[in-house]
């Protein structure tokens, strides 16, 4: 079975994406969690993940909302699925 690889981006003005990142990996799943400071930083991190073939999917925290998810999807040229957390 191929390892599923995804990133979860969380956004807060005090995050530093060069420092605020964690990896959880098992044979079946590789999860990268990255704290980004803003939408621009998120786009850069997402593109790097996709360009380096590190992920099969990108998940975003709810702070991005649908508009931010669309910006990132366009920025990475829809090369992997992008979704975001919605609170009910």
PDB file of N, CA and C in Angstrom:
ATOM      1  N   UNK A   1       0.835  -1.182   0.000  1.00  0.00           N
ATOM      2  CA  UNK A   1       0.000   0.000   0.000  1.00  0.00           C
ATOM      3  C   UNK A   1       0.882   1.249   0.000  1.00  0.00           C
ATOM      4  N   UNK A   2       0.543   2.178  -0.867  1.00  0.00           N
ATOM      5  CA  UNK A   2       1.277   3.437  -0.956  1.00  0.00           C
ATOM      6  C   UNK A   2       1.006   4.304   0.285  1.00  0.00           C
ATOM      7  N   UNK A   3       2.025   4.914   0.794  1.00  0.00           N
ATOM      8  CA  UNK A   3       1.893   5.802   1.948  1.00  0.00           C
ATOM      9  C   UNK A   3       1.092   7.042   1.547  1.00  0.00           C
ATOM     10  N   UNK A   4       0.045   7.370   2.334  1.00  0.00           N
ATOM     11  CA  UNK A   4      -0.723   8.596   2.118  1.00  0.00           C
ATOM     12  C   UNK A   4       0.046   9.742   2.762  1.00  0.00           C
ATOM     13  N   UNK A   5       0.230  10.837   2.010  1.00  0.00           N
ATOM     14  CA  UNK A   5       1.025  11.970   2.492  1.00  0.00           C
ATOM     15  C   UNK A   5       0.199  13.245   2.409  1.00  0.00           C
ATOM     16  N   UNK A   6       0.051  13.919   3.546  1.00  0.00           N
ATOM     17  CA  UNK A   6      -0.683  15.179   3.513  1.00  0.00           C
ATOM     18  C   UNK A   6      -0.048  16.198   4.440  1.00  0.00           C
ATOM     19  N   UNK A   7      -0.398  17.456   4.180  1.00  0.00           N
ATOM     20  CA  UNK A   7       0.053  18.552   5.037  1.00  0.00           C
ATOM     21  C   UNK A   7      -1.166  19.246   5.605  1.00  0.00           C
ATOM     22  N   UNK A   8      -1.047  19.685   6.835  1.00  0.00           N
ATOM     23  CA  UNK A   8      -2.080  20.487   7.478  1.00  0.00           C
ATOM     24  C   UNK A   8      -1.439  21.830   7.798  1.00  0.00           C
ATOM     25  N   UNK A   9      -1.951  22.893   7.177  1.00  0.00           N
ATOM     26  CA  UNK A   9      -1.420  24.235   7.410  1.00  0.00           C
ATOM     27  C   UNK A   9      -2.322  24.968   8.385  1.00  0.00           C
ATOM     28  N   UNK A  10      -1.721  25.505   9.431  1.00  0.00           N
ATOM     29  CA  UNK A  10      -2.456  26.298  10.414  1.00  0.00           C
ATOM     30  C   UNK A  10      -1.910  27.720  10.374  1.00  0.00           C
ATOM     31  N   UNK A  11      -2.815  28.694  10.472  1.00  0.00           N
ATOM     32  CA  UNK A  11      -2.415  30.091  10.269  1.00  0.00           C
ATOM     33  C   UNK A  11      -2.611  30.927  11.529  1.00  0.00           C
ATOM     34  N   UNK A  12      -1.536  31.632  11.883  1.00  0.00           N
ATOM     35  CA  UNK A  12      -1.564  32.596  12.978  1.00  0.00           C
ATOM     36  C   UNK A  12      -0.419  33.578  12.744  1.00  0.00           C
ATOM     37  N   UNK A  13      -0.658  34.850  13.016  1.00  0.00           N
ATOM     38  CA  UNK A  13       0.344  35.888  12.739  1.00  0.00           C
ATOM     39  C   UNK A  13       1.674  35.641  13.441  1.00  0.00           C
ATOM     40  N   UNK A  14       1.669  34.878  14.533  1.00  0.00           N
ATOM     41  CA  UNK A  14       2.922  34.644  15.253  1.00  0.00           C
ATOM     42  C   UNK A  14       3.626  33.337  14.871  1.00  0.00           C
ATOM     43  N   UNK A  15       3.125  32.641  13.856  1.00  0.00           N
ATOM     44  CA  UNK A  15       3.809  31.428  13.383  1.00  0.00           C
ATOM     45  C   UNK A  15       5.003  31.805  12.496  1.00  0.00           C
ATOM     46  N   UNK A  16       6.006  30.965  12.540  1.00  0.00           N
ATOM     47  CA  UNK A  16       7.179  31.081  11.681  1.00  0.00           C
ATOM     48  C   UNK A  16       7.334  29.727  10.981  1.00  0.00           C
ATOM     49  N   UNK A  17       7.015  29.675   9.697  1.00  0.00           N
ATOM     50  CA  UNK A  17       6.979  28.395   8.992  1.00  0.00           C
ATOM     51  C   UNK A  17       8.342  27.700   8.912  1.00  0.00           C
ATOM     52  N   UNK A  18       9.425  28.433   9.121  1.00  0.00           N
ATOM     53  CA  UNK A  18      10.740  27.791   9.127  1.00  0.00           C
ATOM     54  C   UNK A  18      10.986  27.045  10.435  1.00  0.00           C
ATOM     55  N   UNK A  19      10.242  27.396  11.464  1.00  0.00           N
ATOM     56  CA  UNK A  19      10.422  26.809  12.789  1.00  0.00           C
ATOM     57  C   UNK A  19       9.225  25.983  13.222  1.00  0.00           C
ATOM     58  N   UNK A  20       8.029  26.436  12.902  1.00  0.00           N
ATOM     59  CA  UNK A  20       6.803  25.820  13.414  1.00  0.00           C
ATOM     60  C   UNK A  20       6.298  24.740  12.467  1.00  0.00           C
ATOM     61  N   UNK A  21       6.918  23.578  12.555  1.00  0.00           N
ATOM     62  CA  UNK A  21       6.522  22.444  11.715  1.00  0.00           C
ATOM     63  C   UNK A  21       6.834  21.147  12.448  1.00  0.00           C
ATOM     64  N   UNK A  22       5.974  20.177  12.224  1.00  0.00           N
ATOM     65  CA  UNK A  22       6.128  18.865  12.853  1.00  0.00           C
ATOM     66  C   UNK A  22       5.799  17.786  11.835  1.00  0.00           C
ATOM     67  N   UNK A  23       6.387  16.642  12.034  1.00  0.00           N
ATOM     68  CA  UNK A  23       6.162  15.497  11.173  1.00  0.00           C
ATOM     69  C   UNK A  23       5.696  14.326  12.023  1.00  0.00           C
ATOM     70  N   UNK A  24       4.635  13.684  11.595  1.00  0.00           N
ATOM     71  CA  UNK A  24       4.171  12.438  12.190  1.00  0.00           C
ATOM     72  C   UNK A  24       4.146  11.435  11.040  1.00  0.00           C
ATOM     73  N   UNK A  25       4.906  10.346  11.180  1.00  0.00           N
ATOM     74  CA  UNK A  25       4.992   9.419  10.059  1.00  0.00           C
ATOM     75  C   UNK A  25       4.892   7.974  10.527  1.00  0.00           C
ATOM     76  N   UNK A  26       4.085   7.222   9.808  1.00  0.00           N
ATOM     77  CA  UNK A  26       3.967   5.776   9.964  1.00  0.00           C
ATOM     78  C   UNK A  26       4.118   5.180   8.567  1.00  0.00           C
ATOM     79  N   UNK A  27       4.215   3.874   8.458  1.00  0.00           N
ATOM     80  CA  UNK A  27       4.302   3.285   7.116  1.00  0.00           C
ATOM     81  C   UNK A  27       3.104   3.631   6.221  1.00  0.00           C
ATOM     82  N   UNK A  28       1.933   3.850   6.814  1.00  0.00           N
ATOM     83  CA  UNK A  28       0.734   4.135   6.024  1.00  0.00           C
ATOM     84  C   UNK A  28       0.462   5.616   5.803  1.00  0.00           C
ATOM     85  N   UNK A  29       0.986   6.486   6.678  1.00  0.00           N
ATOM     86  CA  UNK A  29       0.619   7.907   6.584  1.00  0.00           C
ATOM     87  C   UNK A  29       1.768   8.814   7.017  1.00  0.00           C
ATOM     88  N   UNK A  30       1.985   9.841   6.218  1.00  0.00           N
ATOM     89  CA  UNK A  30       2.958  10.887   6.553  1.00  0.00           C
ATOM     90  C   UNK A  30       2.171  12.193   6.683  1.00  0.00           C
ATOM     91  N   UNK A  31       2.199  12.773   7.877  1.00  0.00           N
ATOM     92  CA  UNK A  31       1.471  14.011   8.158  1.00  0.00           C
ATOM     93  C   UNK A  31       2.464  15.109   8.510  1.00  0.00           C
ATOM     94  N   UNK A  32       2.426  16.189   7.749  1.00  0.00           N
ATOM     95  CA  UNK A  32       3.279  17.343   8.010  1.00  0.00           C
ATOM     96  C   UNK A  32       2.370  18.476   8.482  1.00  0.00           C
ATOM     97  N   UNK A  33       2.670  19.032   9.638  1.00  0.00           N
ATOM     98  CA  UNK A  33       1.896  20.148  10.184  1.00  0.00           C
ATOM     99  C   UNK A  33       2.798  21.373  10.156  1.00  0.00           C
ATOM    100  N   UNK A  34       2.313  22.432   9.493  1.00  0.00           N
ATOM    101  CA  UNK A  34       3.120  23.646   9.339  1.00  0.00           C
ATOM    102  C   UNK A  34       2.323  24.860   9.799  1.00  0.00           C
ATOM    103  N   UNK A  35       2.913  25.649  10.676  1.00  0.00           N
ATOM    104  CA  UNK A  35       2.320  26.913  11.085  1.00  0.00           C
ATOM    105  C   UNK A  35       2.782  28.009  10.142  1.00  0.00           C
ATOM    106  N   UNK A  36       1.838  28.698   9.542  1.00  0.00           N
ATOM    107  CA  UNK A  36       2.155  29.798   8.614  1.00  0.00           C
ATOM    108  C   UNK A  36       1.617  31.104   9.178  1.00  0.00           C
ATOM    109  N   UNK A  37       2.251  32.213   8.806  1.00  0.00           N
ATOM    110  CA  UNK A  37       1.847  33.503   9.374  1.00  0.00           C
ATOM    111  C   UNK A  37       0.711  34.175   8.618  1.00  0.00           C
ATOM    112  N   UNK A  38       0.584  33.869   7.316  1.00  0.00           N
ATOM    113  CA  UNK A  38      -0.458  34.521   6.518  1.00  0.00           C
ATOM    114  C   UNK A  38      -0.692  33.730   5.232  1.00  0.00           C
ATOM    115  N   UNK A  39      -1.584  34.203   4.415  1.00  0.00           N
ATOM    116  CA  UNK A  39      -1.930  33.503   3.178  1.00  0.00           C
ATOM    117  C   UNK A  39      -0.742  33.430   2.223  1.00  0.00           C
ATOM    118  N   UNK A  40       0.041  34.485   2.143  1.00  0.00           N
ATOM    119  CA  UNK A  40       1.212  34.471   1.258  1.00  0.00           C
ATOM    120  C   UNK A  40       2.199  33.384   1.677  1.00  0.00           C
ATOM    121  N   UNK A  41       2.472  33.293   2.967  1.00  0.00           N
ATOM    122  CA  UNK A  41       3.361  32.255   3.492  1.00  0.00           C
ATOM    123  C   UNK A  41       2.775  30.872   3.203  1.00  0.00           C
ATOM    124  N   UNK A  42       1.463  30.732   3.355  1.00  0.00           N
ATOM    125  CA  UNK A  42       0.806  29.450   3.079  1.00  0.00           C
ATOM    126  C   UNK A  42       0.985  29.043   1.619  1.00  0.00           C
ATOM    127  N   UNK A  43       0.841  29.984   0.721  1.00  0.00           N
ATOM    128  CA  UNK A  43       1.026  29.696  -0.709  1.00  0.00           C
ATOM    129  C   UNK A  43       2.444  29.208  -0.983  1.00  0.00           C
ATOM    130  N   UNK A  44       3.410  29.872  -0.402  1.00  0.00           N
ATOM    131  CA  UNK A  44       4.812  29.501  -0.598  1.00  0.00           C
ATOM    132  C   UNK A  44       5.073  28.094  -0.067  1.00  0.00           C
ATOM    133  N   UNK A  45       4.577  27.815   1.139  1.00  0.00           N
ATOM    134  CA  UNK A  45       4.783  26.497   1.743  1.00  0.00           C
ATOM    135  C   UNK A  45       4.068  25.410   0.950  1.00  0.00           C
ATOM    136  N   UNK A  46       2.840  25.680   0.519  1.00  0.00           N
ATOM    137  CA  UNK A  46       2.073  24.701  -0.254  1.00  0.00           C
ATOM    138  C   UNK A  46       2.776  24.388  -1.572  1.00  0.00           C
ATOM    139  N   UNK A  47       3.241  25.411  -2.251  1.00  0.00           N
ATOM    140  CA  UNK A  47       3.923  25.209  -3.539  1.00  0.00           C
ATOM    141  C   UNK A  47       5.198  24.395  -3.356  1.00  0.00           C
ATOM    142  N   UNK A  48       5.946  24.675  -2.296  1.00  0.00           N
ATOM    143  CA  UNK A  48       7.161  23.912  -2.031  1.00  0.00           C
ATOM    144  C   UNK A  48       6.834  22.444  -1.777  1.00  0.00           C
ATOM    145  N   UNK A  49       5.797  22.183  -0.994  1.00  0.00           N
ATOM    146  CA  UNK A  49       5.394  20.807  -0.727  1.00  0.00           C
ATOM    147  C   UNK A  49       5.025  20.071  -2.012  1.00  0.00           C
ATOM    148  N   UNK A  50       4.288  20.745  -2.879  1.00  0.00           N
ATOM    149  CA  UNK A  50       3.853  20.135  -4.136  1.00  0.00           C
ATOM    150  C   UNK A  50       5.029  19.997  -5.102  1.00  0.00           C
ATOM    151  N   UNK A  51       5.832  21.034  -5.240  1.00  0.00           N
ATOM    152  CA  UNK A  51       6.988  20.983  -6.143  1.00  0.00           C
ATOM    153  C   UNK A  51       7.959  19.875  -5.756  1.00  0.00           C
ATOM    154  N   UNK A  52       8.116  19.661  -4.442  1.00  0.00           N
ATOM    155  CA  UNK A  52       9.032  18.634  -3.944  1.00  0.00           C
ATOM    156  C   UNK A  52       8.378  17.250  -3.868  1.00  0.00           C
ATOM    157  N   UNK A  53       7.140  17.141  -4.362  1.00  0.00           N
ATOM    158  CA  UNK A  53       6.385  15.881  -4.344  1.00  0.00           C
ATOM    159  C   UNK A  53       6.296  15.282  -2.940  1.00  0.00           C
ATOM    160  N   UNK A  54       6.021  16.143  -1.952  1.00  0.00           N
ATOM    161  CA  UNK A  54       5.945  15.721  -0.556  1.00  0.00           C
ATOM    162  C   UNK A  54       4.542  15.324  -0.112  1.00  0.00           C
ATOM    163  N   UNK A  55       3.509  15.752  -0.847  1.00  0.00           N
ATOM    164  CA  UNK A  55       2.133  15.546  -0.378  1.00  0.00           C
ATOM    165  C   UNK A  55       1.206  15.076  -1.494  1.00  0.00           C
ATOM    166  N   UNK A  56       0.149  14.386  -1.061  1.00  0.00           N
ATOM    167  CA  UNK A  56      -0.937  13.990  -1.954  1.00  0.00           C
ATOM    168  C   UNK A  56      -2.163  14.883  -1.745  1.00  0.00           C
ATOM    169  N   UNK A  57      -2.184  15.611  -0.627  1.00  0.00           N
ATOM    170  CA  UNK A  57      -3.319  16.462  -0.279  1.00  0.00           C
ATOM    171  C   UNK A  57      -2.851  17.536   0.693  1.00  0.00           C
ATOM    172  N   UNK A  58      -3.530  18.693   0.658  1.00  0.00           N
ATOM    173  CA  UNK A  58      -3.269  19.770   1.617  1.00  0.00           C
ATOM    174  C   UNK A  58      -4.574  20.107   2.309  1.00  0.00           C
ATOM    175  N   UNK A  59      -4.532  20.128   3.627  1.00  0.00           N
ATOM    176  CA  UNK A  59      -5.673  20.498   4.455  1.00  0.00           C
ATOM    177  C   UNK A  59      -5.326  21.820   5.144  1.00  0.00           C
ATOM    178  N   UNK A  60      -6.295  22.712   5.238  1.00  0.00           N
ATOM    179  CA  UNK A  60      -6.086  24.029   5.837  1.00  0.00           C
ATOM    180  C   UNK A  60      -6.960  24.194   7.071  1.00  0.00           C
ATOM    181  N   UNK A  61      -6.492  24.962   8.041  1.00  0.00           N
ATOM    182  CA  UNK A  61      -7.327  25.276   9.191  1.00  0.00           C
ATOM    183  C   UNK A  61      -8.463  26.196   8.737  1.00  0.00           C
ATOM    184  N   UNK A  62      -9.468  26.323   9.562  1.00  0.00           N
ATOM    185  CA  UNK A  62     -10.647  27.110   9.218  1.00  0.00           C
ATOM    186  C   UNK A  62     -10.381  28.582   8.969  1.00  0.00           C
ATOM    187  N   UNK A  63      -9.265  29.105   9.466  1.00  0.00           N
ATOM    188  CA  UNK A  63      -8.950  30.527   9.272  1.00  0.00           C
ATOM    189  C   UNK A  63      -8.818  30.894   7.794  1.00  0.00           C
ATOM    190  N   UNK A  64      -8.493  29.937   6.956  1.00  0.00           N
ATOM    191  CA  UNK A  64      -8.329  30.214   5.525  1.00  0.00           C
ATOM    192  C   UNK A  64      -9.667  30.446   4.823  1.00  0.00           C
ATOM    193  N   UNK A  65     -10.701  29.798   5.317  1.00  0.00           N
ATOM    194  CA  UNK A  65     -12.029  29.856   4.707  1.00  0.00           C
ATOM    195  C   UNK A  65     -11.968  29.441   3.242  1.00  0.00           C
ATOM    196  N   UNK A  66     -13.081  29.528   2.560  1.00  0.00           N
ATOM    197  CA  UNK A  66     -13.116  29.080   1.164  1.00  0.00           C
ATOM    198  C   UNK A  66     -12.270  29.968   0.253  1.00  0.00           C
ATOM    199  N   UNK A  67     -12.200  31.255   0.549  1.00  0.00           N
ATOM    200  CA  UNK A  67     -11.417  32.166  -0.301  1.00  0.00           C
ATOM    201  C   UNK A  67      -9.930  31.829  -0.253  1.00  0.00           C
ATOM    202  N   UNK A  68      -9.405  31.573   0.935  1.00  0.00           N
ATOM    203  CA  UNK A  68      -7.998  31.213   1.068  1.00  0.00           C
ATOM    204  C   UNK A  68      -7.697  29.873   0.424  1.00  0.00           C
ATOM    205  N   UNK A  69      -8.606  28.921   0.583  1.00  0.00           N
ATOM    206  CA  UNK A  69      -8.425  27.608  -0.045  1.00  0.00           C
ATOM    207  C   UNK A  69      -8.370  27.751  -1.564  1.00  0.00           C
ATOM    208  N   UNK A  70      -9.188  28.614  -2.115  1.00  0.00           N
ATOM    209  CA  UNK A  70      -9.205  28.843  -3.561  1.00  0.00           C
ATOM    210  C   UNK A  70      -7.895  29.489  -4.018  1.00  0.00           C
ATOM    211  N   UNK A  71      -7.398  30.458  -3.263  1.00  0.00           N
ATOM    212  CA  UNK A  71      -6.133  31.118  -3.607  1.00  0.00           C
ATOM    213  C   UNK A  71      -4.997  30.089  -3.647  1.00  0.00           C
ATOM    214  N   UNK A  72      -4.932  29.239  -2.641  1.00  0.00           N
ATOM    215  CA  UNK A  72      -3.865  28.234  -2.588  1.00  0.00           C
ATOM    216  C   UNK A  72      -4.031  27.211  -3.710  1.00  0.00           C
ATOM    217  N   UNK A  73      -5.256  26.774  -3.950  1.00  0.00           N
ATOM    218  CA  UNK A  73      -5.523  25.833  -5.047  1.00  0.00           C
ATOM    219  C   UNK A  73      -5.028  26.399  -6.371  1.00  0.00           C
ATOM    220  N   UNK A  74      -5.344  27.658  -6.617  1.00  0.00           N
ATOM    221  CA  UNK A  74      -4.882  28.303  -7.856  1.00  0.00           C
ATOM    222  C   UNK A  74      -3.360  28.442  -7.873  1.00  0.00           C
ATOM    223  N   UNK A  75      -2.772  28.792  -6.735  1.00  0.00           N
ATOM    224  CA  UNK A  75      -1.327  29.007  -6.651  1.00  0.00           C
ATOM    225  C   UNK A  75      -0.551  27.731  -6.970  1.00  0.00           C
ATOM    226  N   UNK A  76      -1.067  26.593  -6.527  1.00  0.00           N
ATOM    227  CA  UNK A  76      -0.389  25.320  -6.794  1.00  0.00           C
ATOM    228  C   UNK A  76      -0.912  24.668  -8.071  1.00  0.00           C
ATOM    229  N   UNK A  77      -1.701  25.414  -8.819  1.00  0.00           N
ATOM    230  CA  UNK A  77      -2.238  24.979 -10.106  1.00  0.00           C
ATOM    231  C   UNK A  77      -3.028  23.682 -10.000  1.00  0.00           C
ATOM    232  N   UNK A  78      -3.755  23.541  -8.879  1.00  0.00           N
ATOM    233  CA  UNK A  78      -4.663  22.412  -8.661  1.00  0.00           C
ATOM    234  C   UNK A  78      -3.965  21.049  -8.804  1.00  0.00           C
ATOM    235  N   UNK A  79      -2.689  20.985  -8.441  1.00  0.00           N
ATOM    236  CA  UNK A  79      -1.928  19.741  -8.611  1.00  0.00           C
ATOM    237  C   UNK A  79      -2.229  18.694  -7.549  1.00  0.00           C
ATOM    238  N   UNK A  80      -2.705  19.119  -6.377  1.00  0.00           N
ATOM    239  CA  UNK A  80      -3.199  18.189  -5.353  1.00  0.00           C
ATOM    240  C   UNK A  80      -4.476  18.794  -4.775  1.00  0.00           C
ATOM    241  N   UNK A  81      -5.363  17.966  -4.225  1.00  0.00           N
ATOM    242  CA  UNK A  81      -6.576  18.509  -3.614  1.00  0.00           C
ATOM    243  C   UNK A  81      -6.250  19.395  -2.408  1.00  0.00           C
ATOM    244  N   UNK A  82      -7.035  20.458  -2.255  1.00  0.00           N
ATOM    245  CA  UNK A  82      -6.916  21.361  -1.109  1.00  0.00           C
ATOM    246  C   UNK A  82      -8.290  21.438  -0.456  1.00  0.00           C
ATOM    247  N   UNK A  83      -8.323  21.260   0.856  1.00  0.00           N
ATOM    248  CA  UNK A  83      -9.592  21.383   1.593  1.00  0.00           C
ATOM    249  C   UNK A  83      -9.324  22.185   2.859  1.00  0.00           C
ATOM    250  N   UNK A  84     -10.395  22.582   3.512  1.00  0.00           N
ATOM    251  CA  UNK A  84     -10.235  23.358   4.742  1.00  0.00           C
ATOM    252  C   UNK A  84     -11.268  22.926   5.764  1.00  0.00           C
ATOM    253  N   UNK A  85     -10.926  23.133   7.031  1.00  0.00           N
ATOM    254  CA  UNK A  85     -11.781  22.743   8.137  1.00  0.00           C
ATOM    255  C   UNK A  85     -12.940  23.718   8.247  1.00  0.00           C
ATOM    256  N   UNK A  86     -14.132  23.179   8.432  1.00  0.00           N
ATOM    257  CA  UNK A  86     -15.332  23.995   8.615  1.00  0.00           C
ATOM    258  C   UNK A  86     -15.930  23.642   9.974  1.00  0.00           C
ATOM    259  N   UNK A  87     -16.217  24.636  10.770  1.00  0.00           N
ATOM    260  CA  UNK A  87     -16.876  24.419  12.052  1.00  0.00           C
ATOM    261  C   UNK A  87     -18.363  24.640  11.910  1.00  0.00           C
ATOM    262  N   UNK A  88     -19.147  23.736  12.431  1.00  0.00           N
ATOM    263  CA  UNK A  88     -20.612  23.869  12.378  1.00  0.00           C
ATOM    264  C   UNK A  88     -21.127  24.421  13.697  1.00  0.00           C
TER     265      UNK A  88
END
